[in-house]
């Protein structure tokens, strides 16, 4: 099966593909990278897939747009370099220590059947309906993203979790997430906690004060 087929099929449970406008760079080295930056572009490299690396350049505004969208660690990208359509993940972005402007970007080339490590974001729903939160409980989110191992054709756009049934002292765990069918978490803790509802802070403080008063009177 060709890569483009299984990435563009109508499946709502996998990440959508974002097309980027990227140019080829002819030269490697620090001098060439500085020249690319002077031209207002960010130098980068595309590696992996058992192929020679491709040197590329990209408009920094495109990079910042993707960062502001969130979830870029698991977003699938496609672009054309030297006539080849490439599917890739952003693996690393380096920033200027003073201006925080992007100064280099690394892409990981993807191939069919490849299993990779990615971070997938979590979308929380039903918070306003949760009985525990309605009674003043506090939602504690332990994880906004989960590191997983997954085949590139099955990378989910995000995981979803329903909080609407949670009462005080209840929690949701890995097995409660939706969209994890093809993913294996890299965290070596069985069925780890994603979020929980704690007792109201005021009640906890009042209980502590009451216990202190009792201790002082005894």
N, C-alpha and C. Protein backbone atom coordinates (compact mmCIF):
# COMPACT_ATOMS: atom_id res chain seq x y z
N UNK A 1 0.85 -1.20 0.00
CA UNK A 1 0.00 0.00 0.00
C UNK A 1 0.88 1.24 0.00
N UNK A 2 0.60 2.20 -0.87
CA UNK A 2 1.40 3.42 -0.94
C UNK A 2 1.10 4.33 0.25
N UNK A 3 2.13 5.08 0.66
CA UNK A 3 2.01 5.92 1.85
C UNK A 3 0.87 6.91 1.74
N UNK A 4 0.75 7.56 0.60
CA UNK A 4 -0.28 8.58 0.43
C UNK A 4 -1.67 8.04 0.59
N UNK A 5 -1.88 6.76 0.26
CA UNK A 5 -3.22 6.18 0.33
C UNK A 5 -3.69 6.08 1.77
N UNK A 6 -2.84 5.48 2.62
CA UNK A 6 -3.35 5.26 3.97
C UNK A 6 -3.29 6.50 4.84
N UNK A 7 -2.67 7.58 4.39
CA UNK A 7 -2.71 8.82 5.16
C UNK A 7 -3.89 9.70 4.77
N UNK A 8 -4.42 9.53 3.57
CA UNK A 8 -5.47 10.43 3.13
C UNK A 8 -6.84 9.76 3.10
N UNK A 9 -6.91 8.51 3.53
CA UNK A 9 -8.21 7.86 3.58
C UNK A 9 -9.09 8.54 4.63
N UNK A 10 -10.42 8.42 4.48
CA UNK A 10 -11.34 9.11 5.37
C UNK A 10 -11.44 8.39 6.70
N UNK A 11 -10.55 8.70 7.59
CA UNK A 11 -10.59 8.14 8.94
C UNK A 11 -10.50 9.29 9.92
N UNK A 12 -11.46 9.38 10.83
CA UNK A 12 -11.49 10.49 11.78
C UNK A 12 -10.61 10.21 12.99
N UNK A 13 -10.12 8.96 13.12
CA UNK A 13 -9.35 8.62 14.31
C UNK A 13 -7.86 8.81 14.13
N UNK A 14 -7.43 9.22 12.93
CA UNK A 14 -6.00 9.43 12.71
C UNK A 14 -5.73 10.89 12.41
N UNK A 15 -4.47 11.27 12.59
CA UNK A 15 -4.09 12.67 12.41
C UNK A 15 -4.28 13.10 10.96
N UNK A 16 -4.73 14.33 10.78
CA UNK A 16 -4.85 14.90 9.44
C UNK A 16 -3.45 15.31 8.95
N UNK A 17 -3.29 15.37 7.65
CA UNK A 17 -2.01 15.74 7.06
C UNK A 17 -2.01 17.24 6.73
N UNK A 18 -0.98 17.94 7.17
CA UNK A 18 -0.83 19.37 6.91
C UNK A 18 0.25 19.58 5.86
N UNK A 19 -0.08 20.32 4.82
CA UNK A 19 0.89 20.58 3.75
C UNK A 19 1.71 21.83 4.08
N UNK A 20 3.02 21.70 3.96
CA UNK A 20 3.93 22.81 4.21
C UNK A 20 4.62 23.24 2.92
N UNK A 21 4.96 24.52 2.86
CA UNK A 21 5.73 25.05 1.74
C UNK A 21 7.19 25.10 2.15
N UNK A 22 7.98 24.23 1.57
CA UNK A 22 9.38 24.08 1.95
C UNK A 22 10.26 24.11 0.70
N UNK A 23 11.44 24.71 0.83
CA UNK A 23 12.38 24.80 -0.29
C UNK A 23 13.61 23.95 -0.02
N UNK A 24 14.24 23.52 -1.09
CA UNK A 24 15.47 22.76 -0.98
C UNK A 24 16.65 23.70 -0.75
N UNK A 25 17.61 23.25 0.07
CA UNK A 25 18.88 23.97 0.24
C UNK A 25 19.98 23.17 -0.44
N UNK A 26 20.85 23.86 -1.10
CA UNK A 26 21.88 23.15 -1.87
C UNK A 26 23.12 22.83 -1.05
N UNK A 27 23.44 23.66 -0.04
CA UNK A 27 24.70 23.51 0.67
C UNK A 27 24.48 23.24 2.15
N UNK A 28 25.42 22.48 2.72
CA UNK A 28 25.43 22.22 4.15
C UNK A 28 26.49 23.09 4.81
N UNK A 29 26.51 23.07 6.14
CA UNK A 29 27.53 23.81 6.87
C UNK A 29 26.99 25.07 7.52
N UNK A 30 27.77 25.59 8.48
CA UNK A 30 27.35 26.76 9.25
C UNK A 30 27.22 28.01 8.37
N UNK A 31 28.14 28.17 7.43
CA UNK A 31 28.10 29.34 6.56
C UNK A 31 26.83 29.36 5.72
N UNK A 32 26.46 28.21 5.18
CA UNK A 32 25.25 28.12 4.36
C UNK A 32 24.01 28.35 5.22
N UNK A 33 24.04 27.83 6.44
CA UNK A 33 22.89 28.03 7.35
C UNK A 33 22.73 29.50 7.69
N UNK A 34 23.86 30.19 7.93
CA UNK A 34 23.78 31.63 8.23
C UNK A 34 23.25 32.40 7.04
N UNK A 35 23.65 32.00 5.85
CA UNK A 35 23.16 32.67 4.65
C UNK A 35 21.66 32.47 4.49
N UNK A 36 21.19 31.29 4.84
CA UNK A 36 19.74 31.01 4.78
C UNK A 36 18.99 31.91 5.76
N UNK A 37 19.54 32.09 6.95
CA UNK A 37 18.89 32.95 7.95
C UNK A 37 18.92 34.41 7.52
N UNK A 38 20.01 34.84 6.88
CA UNK A 38 20.08 36.21 6.39
C UNK A 38 19.03 36.47 5.32
N UNK A 39 18.65 35.41 4.62
CA UNK A 39 17.60 35.52 3.60
C UNK A 39 16.20 35.49 4.21
N UNK A 40 16.14 35.42 5.54
CA UNK A 40 14.83 35.43 6.22
C UNK A 40 14.18 34.08 6.35
N UNK A 41 14.95 33.01 6.14
CA UNK A 41 14.40 31.66 6.22
C UNK A 41 15.09 30.87 7.33
N UNK A 42 14.48 29.74 7.70
CA UNK A 42 15.04 28.88 8.74
C UNK A 42 15.60 27.63 8.06
N UNK A 43 16.90 27.33 8.27
CA UNK A 43 17.45 26.10 7.70
C UNK A 43 16.94 24.87 8.44
N UNK A 44 16.88 23.76 7.71
CA UNK A 44 16.41 22.54 8.33
C UNK A 44 16.95 21.32 7.61
N UNK A 45 16.63 20.15 8.17
CA UNK A 45 17.06 18.90 7.57
C UNK A 45 15.93 17.89 7.69
N UNK A 46 15.79 17.05 6.68
CA UNK A 46 14.83 15.94 6.70
C UNK A 46 15.65 14.66 6.71
N UNK A 47 15.49 13.83 7.76
CA UNK A 47 16.30 12.62 7.86
C UNK A 47 15.40 11.42 8.13
N UNK A 48 15.99 10.22 8.04
CA UNK A 48 15.25 8.99 8.32
C UNK A 48 14.75 8.32 7.06
N UNK A 49 14.02 7.22 7.26
CA UNK A 49 13.47 6.48 6.14
C UNK A 49 14.51 5.78 5.30
N UNK A 50 15.72 5.56 5.88
CA UNK A 50 16.81 4.88 5.19
C UNK A 50 17.19 5.59 3.89
N UNK A 51 17.10 6.93 3.90
CA UNK A 51 17.48 7.73 2.75
C UNK A 51 18.46 8.80 3.18
N UNK A 52 19.17 9.35 2.21
CA UNK A 52 20.09 10.45 2.50
C UNK A 52 19.30 11.66 3.00
N UNK A 53 19.85 12.41 3.95
CA UNK A 53 19.15 13.61 4.45
C UNK A 53 18.93 14.64 3.34
N UNK A 54 17.83 15.35 3.44
CA UNK A 54 17.55 16.47 2.54
C UNK A 54 17.74 17.77 3.31
N UNK A 55 18.47 18.71 2.74
CA UNK A 55 18.62 20.03 3.33
C UNK A 55 17.50 20.91 2.82
N UNK A 56 16.81 21.59 3.73
CA UNK A 56 15.64 22.38 3.36
C UNK A 56 15.68 23.73 4.06
N UNK A 57 14.79 24.62 3.63
CA UNK A 57 14.59 25.90 4.31
C UNK A 57 13.09 26.18 4.34
N UNK A 58 12.67 26.94 5.36
CA UNK A 58 11.25 27.18 5.56
C UNK A 58 11.05 28.57 6.16
N UNK A 59 9.95 29.20 5.82
CA UNK A 59 9.60 30.51 6.36
C UNK A 59 9.34 30.38 7.87
N UNK A 60 9.99 31.20 8.71
CA UNK A 60 9.78 31.09 10.16
C UNK A 60 8.33 31.33 10.58
N UNK A 61 7.57 32.08 9.79
CA UNK A 61 6.17 32.33 10.12
C UNK A 61 5.35 31.03 10.06
N UNK A 62 5.76 30.14 9.17
CA UNK A 62 5.07 28.85 9.09
C UNK A 62 5.32 28.03 10.35
N UNK A 63 6.58 28.04 10.80
CA UNK A 63 6.92 27.31 12.03
C UNK A 63 6.13 27.86 13.22
N UNK A 64 6.09 29.17 13.38
CA UNK A 64 5.39 29.77 14.52
C UNK A 64 3.89 29.48 14.46
N UNK A 65 3.34 29.46 13.26
CA UNK A 65 1.92 29.14 13.11
C UNK A 65 1.64 27.74 13.63
N UNK A 66 2.51 26.77 13.29
CA UNK A 66 2.31 25.39 13.75
C UNK A 66 2.48 25.28 15.26
N UNK A 67 3.44 26.01 15.80
CA UNK A 67 3.63 25.98 17.25
C UNK A 67 2.42 26.53 17.99
N UNK A 68 1.84 27.61 17.47
CA UNK A 68 0.69 28.23 18.12
C UNK A 68 -0.56 27.36 17.99
N UNK A 69 -0.62 26.51 16.98
CA UNK A 69 -1.76 25.61 16.83
C UNK A 69 -1.76 24.55 17.94
N UNK A 70 -0.60 24.20 18.44
CA UNK A 70 -0.51 23.14 19.43
C UNK A 70 -0.60 21.77 18.78
N UNK A 71 -0.10 20.76 19.50
CA UNK A 71 -0.19 19.40 19.01
C UNK A 71 0.75 19.08 17.86
N UNK A 72 1.75 19.92 17.63
CA UNK A 72 2.64 19.72 16.47
C UNK A 72 3.50 18.48 16.62
N UNK A 73 3.69 17.98 17.86
CA UNK A 73 4.55 16.81 18.05
C UNK A 73 3.99 15.57 17.38
N UNK A 74 2.67 15.50 17.20
CA UNK A 74 2.07 14.31 16.57
C UNK A 74 1.40 14.65 15.24
N UNK A 75 1.58 15.88 14.74
CA UNK A 75 0.93 16.27 13.50
C UNK A 75 1.74 15.77 12.30
N UNK A 76 1.05 15.20 11.34
CA UNK A 76 1.70 14.71 10.12
C UNK A 76 1.81 15.85 9.11
N UNK A 77 2.99 15.96 8.50
CA UNK A 77 3.23 17.00 7.51
C UNK A 77 3.62 16.36 6.18
N UNK A 78 3.27 17.05 5.11
CA UNK A 78 3.73 16.63 3.79
C UNK A 78 4.26 17.84 3.03
N UNK A 79 5.29 17.60 2.24
CA UNK A 79 5.88 18.65 1.42
C UNK A 79 6.71 17.97 0.32
N UNK A 80 7.10 18.75 -0.66
CA UNK A 80 7.83 18.21 -1.79
C UNK A 80 9.24 18.78 -1.82
N UNK A 81 10.21 17.89 -1.93
CA UNK A 81 11.62 18.28 -2.03
C UNK A 81 12.24 17.48 -3.17
N UNK A 82 12.87 18.17 -4.10
CA UNK A 82 13.50 17.53 -5.26
C UNK A 82 12.52 16.62 -6.01
N UNK A 83 11.29 17.06 -6.11
CA UNK A 83 10.29 16.30 -6.84
C UNK A 83 9.69 15.13 -6.08
N UNK A 84 10.16 14.89 -4.85
CA UNK A 84 9.65 13.78 -4.04
C UNK A 84 8.68 14.31 -2.99
N UNK A 85 7.49 13.70 -2.91
CA UNK A 85 6.57 14.07 -1.85
C UNK A 85 6.97 13.33 -0.58
N UNK A 86 7.20 14.10 0.47
CA UNK A 86 7.69 13.55 1.74
C UNK A 86 6.61 13.71 2.81
N UNK A 87 6.43 12.67 3.61
CA UNK A 87 5.60 12.75 4.81
C UNK A 87 6.52 12.70 6.02
N UNK A 88 6.30 13.58 6.98
CA UNK A 88 7.26 13.70 8.07
C UNK A 88 6.60 14.24 9.33
N UNK A 89 7.33 14.11 10.43
CA UNK A 89 7.00 14.74 11.71
C UNK A 89 8.08 15.78 12.00
N UNK A 90 7.70 16.83 12.70
CA UNK A 90 8.70 17.76 13.24
C UNK A 90 9.30 17.10 14.47
N UNK A 91 10.61 16.89 14.44
CA UNK A 91 11.27 16.22 15.56
C UNK A 91 11.91 17.19 16.54
N UNK A 92 12.39 18.34 16.02
CA UNK A 92 13.06 19.28 16.92
C UNK A 92 13.08 20.66 16.28
N UNK A 93 12.95 21.68 17.12
CA UNK A 93 13.07 23.06 16.68
C UNK A 93 14.03 23.76 17.63
N UNK A 94 15.05 24.38 17.08
CA UNK A 94 15.99 25.14 17.89
C UNK A 94 15.66 26.63 17.80
N UNK A 95 15.82 27.34 18.94
CA UNK A 95 15.45 28.74 19.01
C UNK A 95 16.65 29.59 19.41
N UNK A 96 16.63 30.84 18.97
CA UNK A 96 17.68 31.79 19.35
C UNK A 96 17.58 32.06 20.84
N UNK A 97 18.71 32.05 21.57
CA UNK A 97 18.65 32.20 23.03
C UNK A 97 18.14 33.55 23.51
N UNK A 98 18.20 34.57 22.68
CA UNK A 98 17.75 35.91 23.08
C UNK A 98 16.38 36.24 22.50
N UNK A 99 16.23 36.08 21.19
CA UNK A 99 14.99 36.49 20.53
C UNK A 99 13.91 35.42 20.54
N UNK A 100 14.29 34.17 20.83
CA UNK A 100 13.36 33.03 20.79
C UNK A 100 12.83 32.75 19.38
N UNK A 101 13.45 33.32 18.37
CA UNK A 101 13.05 33.03 16.99
C UNK A 101 13.60 31.66 16.60
N UNK A 102 12.86 30.90 15.78
CA UNK A 102 13.37 29.60 15.35
C UNK A 102 14.59 29.77 14.46
N UNK A 103 15.62 28.95 14.71
CA UNK A 103 16.85 29.05 13.92
C UNK A 103 17.20 27.74 13.22
N UNK A 104 16.54 26.66 13.54
CA UNK A 104 16.78 25.39 12.85
C UNK A 104 15.61 24.45 13.14
N UNK A 105 15.29 23.58 12.17
CA UNK A 105 14.18 22.64 12.33
C UNK A 105 14.59 21.28 11.77
N UNK A 106 14.22 20.22 12.47
CA UNK A 106 14.49 18.85 12.04
C UNK A 106 13.18 18.15 11.74
N UNK A 107 13.11 17.49 10.61
CA UNK A 107 11.96 16.67 10.24
C UNK A 107 12.39 15.20 10.20
N UNK A 108 11.52 14.32 10.67
CA UNK A 108 11.73 12.88 10.56
C UNK A 108 10.87 12.34 9.43
N UNK A 109 11.53 11.81 8.39
CA UNK A 109 10.81 11.23 7.26
C UNK A 109 10.11 9.93 7.70
N UNK A 110 8.87 9.77 7.27
CA UNK A 110 8.08 8.59 7.64
C UNK A 110 7.92 7.65 6.45
N UNK A 111 7.88 6.35 6.78
CA UNK A 111 7.66 5.34 5.75
C UNK A 111 6.57 4.39 6.22
N UNK A 112 5.82 3.76 5.30
CA UNK A 112 4.74 2.86 5.68
C UNK A 112 5.21 1.75 6.62
N UNK A 113 4.40 1.47 7.65
CA UNK A 113 4.70 0.40 8.57
C UNK A 113 5.67 0.76 9.67
N UNK A 114 6.24 1.95 9.61
CA UNK A 114 7.21 2.36 10.61
C UNK A 114 6.52 2.65 11.94
N UNK A 115 7.09 2.15 13.03
CA UNK A 115 6.59 2.43 14.36
C UNK A 115 7.46 3.51 14.99
N UNK A 116 6.82 4.56 15.50
CA UNK A 116 7.57 5.69 16.02
C UNK A 116 7.03 6.11 17.38
N UNK A 117 7.84 6.91 18.07
CA UNK A 117 7.47 7.47 19.37
C UNK A 117 7.00 8.90 19.16
N UNK A 118 5.77 9.20 19.58
CA UNK A 118 5.23 10.55 19.46
C UNK A 118 4.49 10.94 20.73
N UNK A 119 4.29 12.23 20.90
CA UNK A 119 3.44 12.76 21.96
C UNK A 119 2.08 13.09 21.38
N UNK A 120 1.03 12.58 22.02
CA UNK A 120 -0.33 12.84 21.56
C UNK A 120 -1.08 13.62 22.63
N UNK A 121 -1.69 14.74 22.23
CA UNK A 121 -2.43 15.57 23.17
C UNK A 121 -3.77 14.96 23.56
N UNK A 122 -4.29 15.41 24.70
CA UNK A 122 -5.57 14.91 25.22
C UNK A 122 -6.60 16.04 25.20
N UNK A 123 -7.78 15.75 24.68
CA UNK A 123 -8.90 16.69 24.69
C UNK A 123 -9.86 16.25 25.80
N UNK A 124 -10.15 17.17 26.72
CA UNK A 124 -11.03 16.87 27.85
C UNK A 124 -12.43 17.41 27.57
N UNK A 125 -13.44 16.56 27.76
CA UNK A 125 -14.83 16.97 27.53
C UNK A 125 -15.66 16.68 28.78
N UNK A 126 -16.80 17.35 28.88
CA UNK A 126 -17.76 17.06 29.96
C UNK A 126 -17.41 17.63 31.31
N UNK A 127 -16.44 18.55 31.39
CA UNK A 127 -16.04 19.08 32.69
C UNK A 127 -17.20 19.79 33.39
N UNK A 128 -17.99 20.55 32.64
CA UNK A 128 -19.11 21.30 33.24
C UNK A 128 -20.22 20.40 33.76
N UNK A 129 -20.23 19.15 33.32
CA UNK A 129 -21.29 18.22 33.73
C UNK A 129 -20.87 17.32 34.88
N UNK A 130 -19.61 17.32 35.25
CA UNK A 130 -19.11 16.41 36.27
C UNK A 130 -19.72 16.73 37.63
N UNK A 131 -20.36 15.75 38.30
CA UNK A 131 -20.98 16.00 39.61
C UNK A 131 -19.99 16.52 40.64
N UNK A 132 -18.78 15.97 40.65
CA UNK A 132 -17.80 16.40 41.63
C UNK A 132 -17.38 17.85 41.47
N UNK A 133 -17.29 18.29 40.22
CA UNK A 133 -16.91 19.69 39.97
C UNK A 133 -18.08 20.61 40.30
N UNK A 134 -19.30 20.17 40.01
CA UNK A 134 -20.48 20.96 40.37
C UNK A 134 -20.57 21.16 41.88
N UNK A 135 -20.07 20.20 42.64
CA UNK A 135 -20.12 20.30 44.11
C UNK A 135 -18.88 20.99 44.68
N UNK A 136 -18.13 21.63 43.80
CA UNK A 136 -16.98 22.41 44.26
C UNK A 136 -15.65 21.70 44.19
N UNK A 137 -15.64 20.49 43.67
CA UNK A 137 -14.38 19.76 43.54
C UNK A 137 -13.44 20.43 42.55
N UNK A 138 -12.17 20.10 42.68
CA UNK A 138 -11.13 20.71 41.86
C UNK A 138 -10.59 19.67 40.87
N UNK A 139 -10.62 20.01 39.58
CA UNK A 139 -10.09 19.13 38.55
C UNK A 139 -8.57 19.25 38.51
N UNK A 140 -7.90 18.14 38.74
CA UNK A 140 -6.44 18.09 38.64
C UNK A 140 -6.06 17.27 37.41
N UNK A 141 -5.43 17.92 36.44
CA UNK A 141 -5.01 17.23 35.22
C UNK A 141 -3.55 16.83 35.38
N UNK A 142 -3.31 15.53 35.40
CA UNK A 142 -1.95 15.01 35.58
C UNK A 142 -1.18 15.02 34.27
N UNK A 143 -1.90 14.82 33.14
CA UNK A 143 -1.22 14.74 31.85
C UNK A 143 -2.06 15.41 30.77
N UNK A 144 -1.45 16.35 30.06
CA UNK A 144 -2.08 16.96 28.89
C UNK A 144 -1.69 16.23 27.62
N UNK A 145 -0.60 15.49 27.66
CA UNK A 145 -0.13 14.69 26.52
C UNK A 145 0.32 13.33 27.06
N UNK A 146 0.35 12.34 26.15
CA UNK A 146 0.85 11.02 26.50
C UNK A 146 1.86 10.59 25.44
N UNK A 147 3.01 10.10 25.88
CA UNK A 147 4.01 9.54 24.97
C UNK A 147 3.59 8.12 24.59
N UNK A 148 3.53 7.85 23.29
CA UNK A 148 3.11 6.52 22.84
C UNK A 148 4.00 6.04 21.71
N UNK A 149 3.97 4.73 21.49
CA UNK A 149 4.58 4.11 20.33
C UNK A 149 3.44 3.69 19.41
N UNK A 150 3.53 4.06 18.13
CA UNK A 150 2.41 3.82 17.22
C UNK A 150 2.93 3.77 15.78
N UNK A 151 2.27 2.98 14.94
CA UNK A 151 2.61 2.95 13.52
C UNK A 151 2.22 4.28 12.89
N UNK A 152 3.00 4.76 11.93
CA UNK A 152 2.77 6.09 11.38
C UNK A 152 1.38 6.23 10.76
N UNK A 153 0.84 5.15 10.21
CA UNK A 153 -0.48 5.25 9.58
C UNK A 153 -1.60 5.34 10.60
N UNK A 154 -1.29 5.12 11.89
CA UNK A 154 -2.32 5.14 12.92
C UNK A 154 -2.12 6.24 13.96
N UNK A 155 -1.26 7.22 13.67
CA UNK A 155 -1.04 8.30 14.64
C UNK A 155 -2.34 9.06 14.83
N UNK A 156 -2.87 9.10 16.05
CA UNK A 156 -4.14 9.82 16.26
C UNK A 156 -3.93 11.32 16.31
N UNK A 157 -4.95 12.06 15.90
CA UNK A 157 -4.88 13.52 15.98
C UNK A 157 -4.85 13.95 17.45
N UNK A 158 -5.57 13.24 18.30
CA UNK A 158 -5.57 13.47 19.74
C UNK A 158 -6.30 12.32 20.41
N UNK A 159 -6.17 12.24 21.72
CA UNK A 159 -7.00 11.35 22.53
C UNK A 159 -8.13 12.18 23.14
N UNK A 160 -9.24 11.53 23.49
CA UNK A 160 -10.37 12.21 24.10
C UNK A 160 -10.75 11.51 25.39
N UNK A 161 -11.12 12.28 26.40
CA UNK A 161 -11.57 11.68 27.66
C UNK A 161 -12.82 12.42 28.14
N UNK A 162 -13.79 11.67 28.63
CA UNK A 162 -15.05 12.23 29.11
C UNK A 162 -15.00 12.36 30.63
N UNK A 163 -15.15 13.58 31.12
CA UNK A 163 -15.10 13.84 32.57
C UNK A 163 -16.49 13.94 33.19
N UNK A 164 -17.55 13.77 32.41
CA UNK A 164 -18.90 14.11 32.85
C UNK A 164 -19.42 13.25 34.00
N UNK A 165 -18.84 12.09 34.24
CA UNK A 165 -19.32 11.20 35.30
C UNK A 165 -18.49 11.29 36.59
N UNK A 166 -17.46 12.10 36.58
CA UNK A 166 -16.54 12.12 37.71
C UNK A 166 -17.14 12.81 38.94
N UNK A 167 -17.03 12.13 40.07
CA UNK A 167 -17.40 12.73 41.35
C UNK A 167 -16.11 13.02 42.12
N UNK A 168 -16.25 13.61 43.29
CA UNK A 168 -15.08 13.91 44.11
C UNK A 168 -14.34 12.61 44.44
N UNK A 169 -13.02 12.64 44.29
CA UNK A 169 -12.11 11.52 44.50
C UNK A 169 -12.12 10.49 43.37
N UNK A 170 -12.87 10.75 42.31
CA UNK A 170 -12.83 9.88 41.13
C UNK A 170 -11.66 10.30 40.23
N UNK A 171 -11.25 9.39 39.36
CA UNK A 171 -10.21 9.74 38.40
C UNK A 171 -10.46 9.04 37.07
N UNK A 172 -9.76 9.49 36.05
CA UNK A 172 -9.76 8.82 34.75
C UNK A 172 -8.33 8.38 34.46
N UNK A 173 -8.21 7.22 33.82
CA UNK A 173 -6.92 6.62 33.57
C UNK A 173 -6.71 6.35 32.09
N UNK A 174 -5.56 5.81 31.77
CA UNK A 174 -5.21 5.51 30.38
C UNK A 174 -6.31 4.72 29.69
N UNK A 175 -6.84 3.69 30.36
CA UNK A 175 -7.85 2.84 29.73
C UNK A 175 -9.17 3.58 29.48
N UNK A 176 -9.35 4.75 30.07
CA UNK A 176 -10.56 5.54 29.85
C UNK A 176 -10.46 6.45 28.63
N UNK A 177 -9.26 6.62 28.08
CA UNK A 177 -9.08 7.49 26.93
C UNK A 177 -9.69 6.85 25.69
N UNK A 178 -10.22 7.68 24.82
CA UNK A 178 -10.73 7.22 23.54
C UNK A 178 -9.72 7.53 22.44
N UNK A 179 -9.55 6.58 21.53
CA UNK A 179 -8.61 6.78 20.42
C UNK A 179 -7.25 6.16 20.63
N UNK A 180 -7.14 5.25 21.61
CA UNK A 180 -5.84 4.65 21.94
C UNK A 180 -5.65 3.26 21.34
N UNK A 181 -6.59 2.82 20.50
CA UNK A 181 -6.62 1.42 20.07
C UNK A 181 -5.30 0.93 19.46
N UNK A 182 -4.61 1.78 18.72
CA UNK A 182 -3.39 1.34 18.02
C UNK A 182 -2.12 1.81 18.72
N UNK A 183 -2.25 2.37 19.92
CA UNK A 183 -1.13 3.01 20.59
C UNK A 183 -0.69 2.24 21.83
N UNK A 184 0.60 2.24 22.09
CA UNK A 184 1.17 1.65 23.30
C UNK A 184 1.88 2.74 24.08
N UNK A 185 1.45 3.02 25.31
CA UNK A 185 2.13 4.07 26.08
C UNK A 185 3.55 3.66 26.43
N UNK A 186 4.45 4.63 26.42
CA UNK A 186 5.84 4.34 26.76
C UNK A 186 6.09 4.42 28.26
N UNK A 187 5.14 4.98 29.01
CA UNK A 187 5.28 5.06 30.47
C UNK A 187 5.06 3.67 31.06
N UNK A 188 6.01 3.21 31.83
CA UNK A 188 5.94 1.85 32.38
C UNK A 188 5.20 1.83 33.72
N UNK A 189 4.01 2.39 33.72
CA UNK A 189 3.13 2.37 34.89
C UNK A 189 1.77 1.87 34.40
N UNK A 190 1.27 0.75 34.92
CA UNK A 190 0.00 0.22 34.42
C UNK A 190 -1.16 1.19 34.63
N UNK A 191 -1.91 1.46 33.58
CA UNK A 191 -3.14 2.22 33.65
C UNK A 191 -3.00 3.50 34.49
N UNK A 192 -2.07 4.34 34.11
CA UNK A 192 -1.74 5.54 34.88
C UNK A 192 -2.87 6.56 34.83
N UNK A 193 -2.86 7.46 35.83
CA UNK A 193 -3.90 8.47 35.99
C UNK A 193 -3.70 9.61 34.99
N UNK A 194 -4.80 10.05 34.39
CA UNK A 194 -4.79 11.19 33.49
C UNK A 194 -5.30 12.45 34.20
N UNK A 195 -6.40 12.30 34.93
CA UNK A 195 -6.98 13.44 35.66
C UNK A 195 -7.80 12.92 36.82
N UNK A 196 -8.03 13.78 37.81
CA UNK A 196 -8.82 13.40 38.97
C UNK A 196 -9.56 14.62 39.51
N UNK A 197 -10.58 14.37 40.31
CA UNK A 197 -11.33 15.44 40.96
C UNK A 197 -11.07 15.37 42.46
N UNK A 198 -10.45 16.40 43.00
CA UNK A 198 -10.12 16.45 44.43
C UNK A 198 -11.21 17.17 45.20
N UNK A 199 -11.24 16.95 46.50
CA UNK A 199 -12.21 17.63 47.37
C UNK A 199 -11.98 19.13 47.33
N UNK A 200 -13.03 19.91 47.56
CA UNK A 200 -12.87 21.37 47.57
C UNK A 200 -11.76 21.81 48.52
N UNK A 201 -10.96 22.77 48.08
CA UNK A 201 -9.84 23.24 48.89
C UNK A 201 -10.31 23.82 50.22
N UNK A 202 -11.42 24.54 50.20
CA UNK A 202 -11.95 25.16 51.42
C UNK A 202 -12.31 24.10 52.44
N UNK A 203 -12.96 23.02 51.98
CA UNK A 203 -13.34 21.94 52.89
C UNK A 203 -12.11 21.28 53.49
N UNK A 204 -11.08 21.09 52.68
CA UNK A 204 -9.87 20.46 53.16
C UNK A 204 -9.18 21.34 54.20
N UNK A 205 -9.16 22.67 53.95
CA UNK A 205 -8.53 23.58 54.91
C UNK A 205 -9.32 23.63 56.20
N UNK A 206 -10.65 23.62 56.09
CA UNK A 206 -11.49 23.65 57.29
C UNK A 206 -11.29 22.40 58.12
N UNK A 207 -11.18 21.25 57.43
CA UNK A 207 -10.98 19.98 58.14
C UNK A 207 -9.64 19.98 58.86
N UNK A 208 -8.61 20.52 58.22
CA UNK A 208 -7.29 20.59 58.84
C UNK A 208 -7.31 21.50 60.07
N UNK A 209 -8.01 22.64 59.96
CA UNK A 209 -8.11 23.57 61.09
C UNK A 209 -8.85 22.93 62.25
N UNK A 210 -9.91 22.18 61.92
CA UNK A 210 -10.69 21.52 62.96
C UNK A 210 -9.85 20.47 63.68
N UNK A 211 -9.06 19.70 62.91
CA UNK A 211 -8.21 18.70 63.52
C UNK A 211 -7.15 19.33 64.41
N UNK A 212 -6.63 20.49 63.97
CA UNK A 212 -5.61 21.19 64.77
C UNK A 212 -6.20 21.68 66.08
N UNK A 213 -7.44 22.19 65.99
CA UNK A 213 -8.10 22.68 67.20
C UNK A 213 -8.36 21.54 68.19
N UNK A 214 -8.76 20.39 67.65
CA UNK A 214 -8.99 19.23 68.52
C UNK A 214 -7.72 18.76 69.19
N UNK A 215 -6.61 18.79 68.42
CA UNK A 215 -5.31 18.38 68.99
C UNK A 215 -4.88 19.33 70.11
N UNK A 216 -5.16 20.63 69.90
CA UNK A 216 -4.75 21.62 70.90
C UNK A 216 -5.57 21.48 72.18
N UNK A 217 -6.84 21.08 72.03
CA UNK A 217 -7.73 20.97 73.20
C UNK A 217 -7.48 19.69 73.98
N UNK A 218 -6.89 18.69 73.36
CA UNK A 218 -6.70 17.39 74.03
C UNK A 218 -5.45 17.38 74.89
